[in-house]
Amino acid sequence: HDYKALYDSVHTQLLNALPLQTLVYPAHDYKARTSSTIEAERTTNPRLTKTKDEFVEIMANLKLSYPKKIDVAVPANMRCGVPDVEE
């Protein structure tokens, strides 16, 4: 896992690039929230408010398993949520 690249990507492409009131829909929210804003994520997200080194350490110690549907979800997200259609 390249947690440094993940941190850089989230901070440069989202948190520091989009307007504060931009709505986002975090996929890994375990508090039943369905949306947030860039401002809320910048100020309250327990991982995104950390330094890069702290973020990397937290992520490395989570020992998360490979997401079951990641191989379907990522390509669909790259096509604006449209899954592959088998012909």
N, C-alpha and C. Protein backbone atom coordinates (compact mmCIF):
# COMPACT_ATOMS: atom_id res chain seq x y z
N HIS A 1 0.84 -1.19 0.00
CA HIS A 1 0.00 0.00 0.00
C HIS A 1 0.88 1.25 0.00
N ASP A 2 0.52 2.20 -0.81
CA ASP A 2 1.28 3.45 -0.87
C ASP A 2 0.47 4.55 -0.18
N TYR A 3 0.54 4.56 1.14
CA TYR A 3 -0.26 5.50 1.93
C TYR A 3 0.22 6.94 1.77
N LYS A 4 1.49 7.14 1.47
CA LYS A 4 1.98 8.50 1.22
C LYS A 4 1.33 9.06 -0.05
N ALA A 5 1.23 8.23 -1.08
CA ALA A 5 0.59 8.68 -2.32
C ALA A 5 -0.90 8.94 -2.10
N LEU A 6 -1.54 8.10 -1.29
CA LEU A 6 -2.95 8.32 -0.97
C LEU A 6 -3.14 9.65 -0.26
N TYR A 7 -2.31 9.92 0.74
CA TYR A 7 -2.37 11.19 1.47
C TYR A 7 -2.20 12.37 0.51
N ASP A 8 -1.17 12.29 -0.33
CA ASP A 8 -0.90 13.38 -1.28
C ASP A 8 -2.07 13.57 -2.24
N SER A 9 -2.61 12.49 -2.74
CA SER A 9 -3.73 12.57 -3.68
C SER A 9 -4.95 13.23 -3.04
N VAL A 10 -5.33 12.78 -1.86
CA VAL A 10 -6.50 13.33 -1.18
C VAL A 10 -6.30 14.81 -0.86
N HIS A 11 -5.11 15.16 -0.41
CA HIS A 11 -4.87 16.55 -0.04
C HIS A 11 -4.72 17.48 -1.25
N THR A 12 -4.05 17.02 -2.30
CA THR A 12 -3.82 17.92 -3.44
C THR A 12 -5.01 17.95 -4.41
N GLN A 13 -5.71 16.85 -4.58
CA GLN A 13 -6.80 16.81 -5.54
C GLN A 13 -8.17 17.11 -4.94
N LEU A 14 -8.29 16.98 -3.63
CA LEU A 14 -9.59 17.20 -3.00
C LEU A 14 -9.56 18.31 -1.95
N LEU A 15 -8.92 18.03 -0.84
CA LEU A 15 -9.00 18.93 0.32
C LEU A 15 -8.46 20.33 0.06
N ASN A 16 -7.40 20.44 -0.72
CA ASN A 16 -6.81 21.75 -0.97
C ASN A 16 -7.12 22.28 -2.37
N ALA A 17 -7.99 21.58 -3.10
CA ALA A 17 -8.29 22.00 -4.46
C ALA A 17 -9.75 22.42 -4.67
N LEU A 18 -10.64 21.80 -3.92
CA LEU A 18 -12.07 22.06 -4.12
C LEU A 18 -12.60 23.11 -3.15
N PRO A 19 -13.65 23.84 -3.54
CA PRO A 19 -14.27 24.81 -2.62
C PRO A 19 -14.74 24.12 -1.34
N LEU A 20 -14.66 24.83 -0.23
CA LEU A 20 -14.98 24.25 1.08
C LEU A 20 -16.38 23.67 1.16
N GLN A 21 -17.34 24.24 0.47
CA GLN A 21 -18.73 23.76 0.56
C GLN A 21 -19.06 22.65 -0.43
N THR A 22 -18.06 22.16 -1.16
CA THR A 22 -18.28 21.06 -2.10
C THR A 22 -18.76 19.83 -1.34
N LEU A 23 -19.87 19.26 -1.81
CA LEU A 23 -20.38 18.04 -1.20
C LEU A 23 -19.55 16.85 -1.66
N VAL A 24 -19.26 15.98 -0.72
CA VAL A 24 -18.56 14.73 -1.01
C VAL A 24 -19.34 13.59 -0.37
N TYR A 25 -19.17 12.43 -0.91
CA TYR A 25 -19.90 11.25 -0.44
C TYR A 25 -18.90 10.17 -0.04
N PRO A 26 -18.37 10.27 1.17
CA PRO A 26 -17.35 9.31 1.61
C PRO A 26 -17.88 7.88 1.57
N ALA A 27 -17.11 7.01 0.97
CA ALA A 27 -17.53 5.62 0.83
C ALA A 27 -17.27 4.80 2.09
N HIS A 28 -16.39 5.27 2.95
CA HIS A 28 -16.02 4.48 4.12
C HIS A 28 -16.38 5.22 5.40
N ASP A 29 -17.63 5.63 5.49
CA ASP A 29 -18.10 6.31 6.69
C ASP A 29 -18.86 5.30 7.53
N TYR A 30 -18.40 5.09 8.74
CA TYR A 30 -19.00 4.08 9.60
C TYR A 30 -19.93 4.69 10.64
N LYS A 31 -20.34 5.94 10.41
CA LYS A 31 -21.26 6.61 11.32
C LYS A 31 -22.59 6.91 10.64
N ALA A 32 -22.85 6.22 9.53
CA ALA A 32 -24.11 6.31 8.79
C ALA A 32 -24.35 7.67 8.15
N ARG A 33 -23.31 8.47 7.97
CA ARG A 33 -23.47 9.73 7.23
C ARG A 33 -23.42 9.40 5.75
N THR A 34 -24.26 10.08 4.98
CA THR A 34 -24.26 9.80 3.55
C THR A 34 -23.53 10.87 2.75
N SER A 35 -23.27 12.02 3.37
CA SER A 35 -22.51 13.07 2.68
C SER A 35 -21.78 13.93 3.69
N SER A 36 -20.87 14.72 3.16
CA SER A 36 -20.06 15.62 3.98
C SER A 36 -19.68 16.79 3.07
N THR A 37 -18.83 17.66 3.56
CA THR A 37 -18.27 18.73 2.74
C THR A 37 -16.76 18.69 2.85
N ILE A 38 -16.11 19.33 1.91
CA ILE A 38 -14.65 19.41 1.97
C ILE A 38 -14.24 20.08 3.28
N GLU A 39 -14.95 21.12 3.67
CA GLU A 39 -14.62 21.81 4.92
C GLU A 39 -14.72 20.88 6.12
N ALA A 40 -15.79 20.10 6.19
CA ALA A 40 -15.96 19.17 7.32
C ALA A 40 -14.86 18.12 7.32
N GLU A 41 -14.53 17.59 6.15
CA GLU A 41 -13.47 16.59 6.08
C GLU A 41 -12.12 17.17 6.49
N ARG A 42 -11.86 18.41 6.07
CA ARG A 42 -10.59 19.06 6.42
C ARG A 42 -10.46 19.31 7.92
N THR A 43 -11.58 19.54 8.58
CA THR A 43 -11.51 19.93 9.99
C THR A 43 -11.87 18.83 10.98
N THR A 44 -12.62 17.80 10.54
CA THR A 44 -13.07 16.81 11.52
C THR A 44 -12.70 15.38 11.21
N ASN A 45 -12.25 15.08 9.99
CA ASN A 45 -11.92 13.69 9.66
C ASN A 45 -10.71 13.26 10.49
N PRO A 46 -10.86 12.20 11.29
CA PRO A 46 -9.78 11.82 12.21
C PRO A 46 -8.48 11.39 11.54
N ARG A 47 -8.51 11.03 10.28
CA ARG A 47 -7.28 10.66 9.58
C ARG A 47 -6.74 11.80 8.75
N LEU A 48 -7.64 12.57 8.16
CA LEU A 48 -7.20 13.62 7.24
C LEU A 48 -6.71 14.88 7.94
N THR A 49 -6.91 14.96 9.24
CA THR A 49 -6.41 16.11 10.00
C THR A 49 -5.01 15.85 10.56
N LYS A 50 -4.44 14.71 10.24
CA LYS A 50 -3.11 14.33 10.72
C LYS A 50 -2.03 14.75 9.73
N THR A 51 -0.78 14.73 10.20
CA THR A 51 0.35 14.95 9.29
C THR A 51 0.47 13.72 8.39
N LYS A 52 1.25 13.85 7.33
CA LYS A 52 1.44 12.71 6.43
C LYS A 52 2.02 11.51 7.16
N ASP A 53 3.02 11.74 8.00
CA ASP A 53 3.63 10.63 8.74
C ASP A 53 2.63 9.96 9.68
N GLU A 54 1.82 10.76 10.37
CA GLU A 54 0.80 10.20 11.26
C GLU A 54 -0.23 9.41 10.46
N PHE A 55 -0.65 9.95 9.32
CA PHE A 55 -1.61 9.28 8.45
C PHE A 55 -1.07 7.92 8.00
N VAL A 56 0.16 7.89 7.53
CA VAL A 56 0.78 6.65 7.07
C VAL A 56 0.82 5.62 8.19
N GLU A 57 1.19 6.05 9.37
CA GLU A 57 1.26 5.12 10.51
C GLU A 57 -0.12 4.57 10.86
N ILE A 58 -1.11 5.43 10.90
CA ILE A 58 -2.48 4.98 11.20
C ILE A 58 -2.94 3.96 10.17
N MET A 59 -2.78 4.29 8.90
CA MET A 59 -3.26 3.41 7.84
C MET A 59 -2.52 2.08 7.86
N ALA A 60 -1.23 2.11 8.07
CA ALA A 60 -0.44 0.88 8.08
C ALA A 60 -0.84 -0.04 9.24
N ASN A 61 -1.27 0.55 10.34
CA ASN A 61 -1.63 -0.25 11.51
C ASN A 61 -3.08 -0.70 11.53
N LEU A 62 -3.88 -0.29 10.56
CA LEU A 62 -5.27 -0.73 10.51
C LEU A 62 -5.40 -2.18 10.08
N LYS A 63 -4.43 -2.64 9.30
CA LYS A 63 -4.42 -4.03 8.81
C LYS A 63 -5.74 -4.38 8.13
N LEU A 64 -6.16 -3.52 7.21
CA LEU A 64 -7.42 -3.73 6.50
C LEU A 64 -7.27 -4.82 5.45
N SER A 65 -8.31 -5.61 5.29
CA SER A 65 -8.29 -6.62 4.23
C SER A 65 -8.60 -5.94 2.90
N TYR A 66 -8.30 -6.62 1.84
CA TYR A 66 -8.56 -6.11 0.49
C TYR A 66 -10.08 -5.98 0.32
N PRO A 67 -10.57 -4.80 -0.04
CA PRO A 67 -12.02 -4.63 -0.17
C PRO A 67 -12.63 -5.60 -1.18
N LYS A 68 -13.74 -6.22 -0.79
CA LYS A 68 -14.36 -7.27 -1.60
C LYS A 68 -14.75 -6.81 -3.00
N LYS A 69 -15.24 -5.60 -3.14
CA LYS A 69 -15.73 -5.15 -4.44
C LYS A 69 -14.87 -4.06 -5.08
N ILE A 70 -13.65 -3.91 -4.62
CA ILE A 70 -12.79 -2.84 -5.13
C ILE A 70 -12.50 -3.00 -6.62
N ASP A 71 -12.38 -4.24 -7.09
CA ASP A 71 -12.07 -4.46 -8.50
C ASP A 71 -13.24 -4.12 -9.41
N VAL A 72 -14.43 -4.01 -8.86
CA VAL A 72 -15.61 -3.58 -9.60
C VAL A 72 -15.83 -2.08 -9.39
N ALA A 73 -15.67 -1.63 -8.16
CA ALA A 73 -15.98 -0.25 -7.81
C ALA A 73 -15.03 0.77 -8.45
N VAL A 74 -13.74 0.50 -8.44
CA VAL A 74 -12.79 1.48 -8.99
C VAL A 74 -13.01 1.70 -10.49
N PRO A 75 -13.10 0.65 -11.30
CA PRO A 75 -13.36 0.90 -12.72
C PRO A 75 -14.70 1.62 -12.95
N ALA A 76 -15.73 1.28 -12.18
CA ALA A 76 -17.02 1.97 -12.31
C ALA A 76 -16.88 3.43 -11.94
N ASN A 77 -16.15 3.73 -10.89
CA ASN A 77 -15.93 5.12 -10.49
C ASN A 77 -15.18 5.89 -11.57
N MET A 78 -14.28 5.23 -12.24
CA MET A 78 -13.53 5.87 -13.32
C MET A 78 -14.44 6.21 -14.51
N ARG A 79 -15.58 5.51 -14.59
CA ARG A 79 -16.55 5.78 -15.65
C ARG A 79 -17.79 6.45 -15.07
N CYS A 80 -17.62 7.27 -14.03
CA CYS A 80 -18.73 8.01 -13.41
C CYS A 80 -19.80 7.09 -12.85
N GLY A 81 -19.40 5.97 -12.28
CA GLY A 81 -20.33 5.08 -11.61
C GLY A 81 -21.02 4.07 -12.50
N VAL A 82 -20.67 4.02 -13.78
CA VAL A 82 -21.32 3.08 -14.69
C VAL A 82 -20.53 1.78 -14.70
N PRO A 83 -21.16 0.69 -14.24
CA PRO A 83 -20.43 -0.59 -14.23
C PRO A 83 -20.29 -1.15 -15.64
N ASP A 84 -19.38 -2.11 -15.79
CA ASP A 84 -19.25 -2.80 -17.07
C ASP A 84 -20.55 -3.54 -17.37
N VAL A 85 -20.92 -3.53 -18.61
CA VAL A 85 -22.09 -4.28 -19.03
C VAL A 85 -21.60 -5.45 -19.87
N GLU A 86 -21.92 -6.66 -19.40
CA GLU A 86 -21.50 -7.84 -20.15
C GLU A 86 -22.36 -7.99 -21.38
N GLU A 87 -21.74 -8.32 -22.47
CA GLU A 87 -22.48 -8.46 -23.73
C GLU A 87 -22.70 -9.90 -24.06
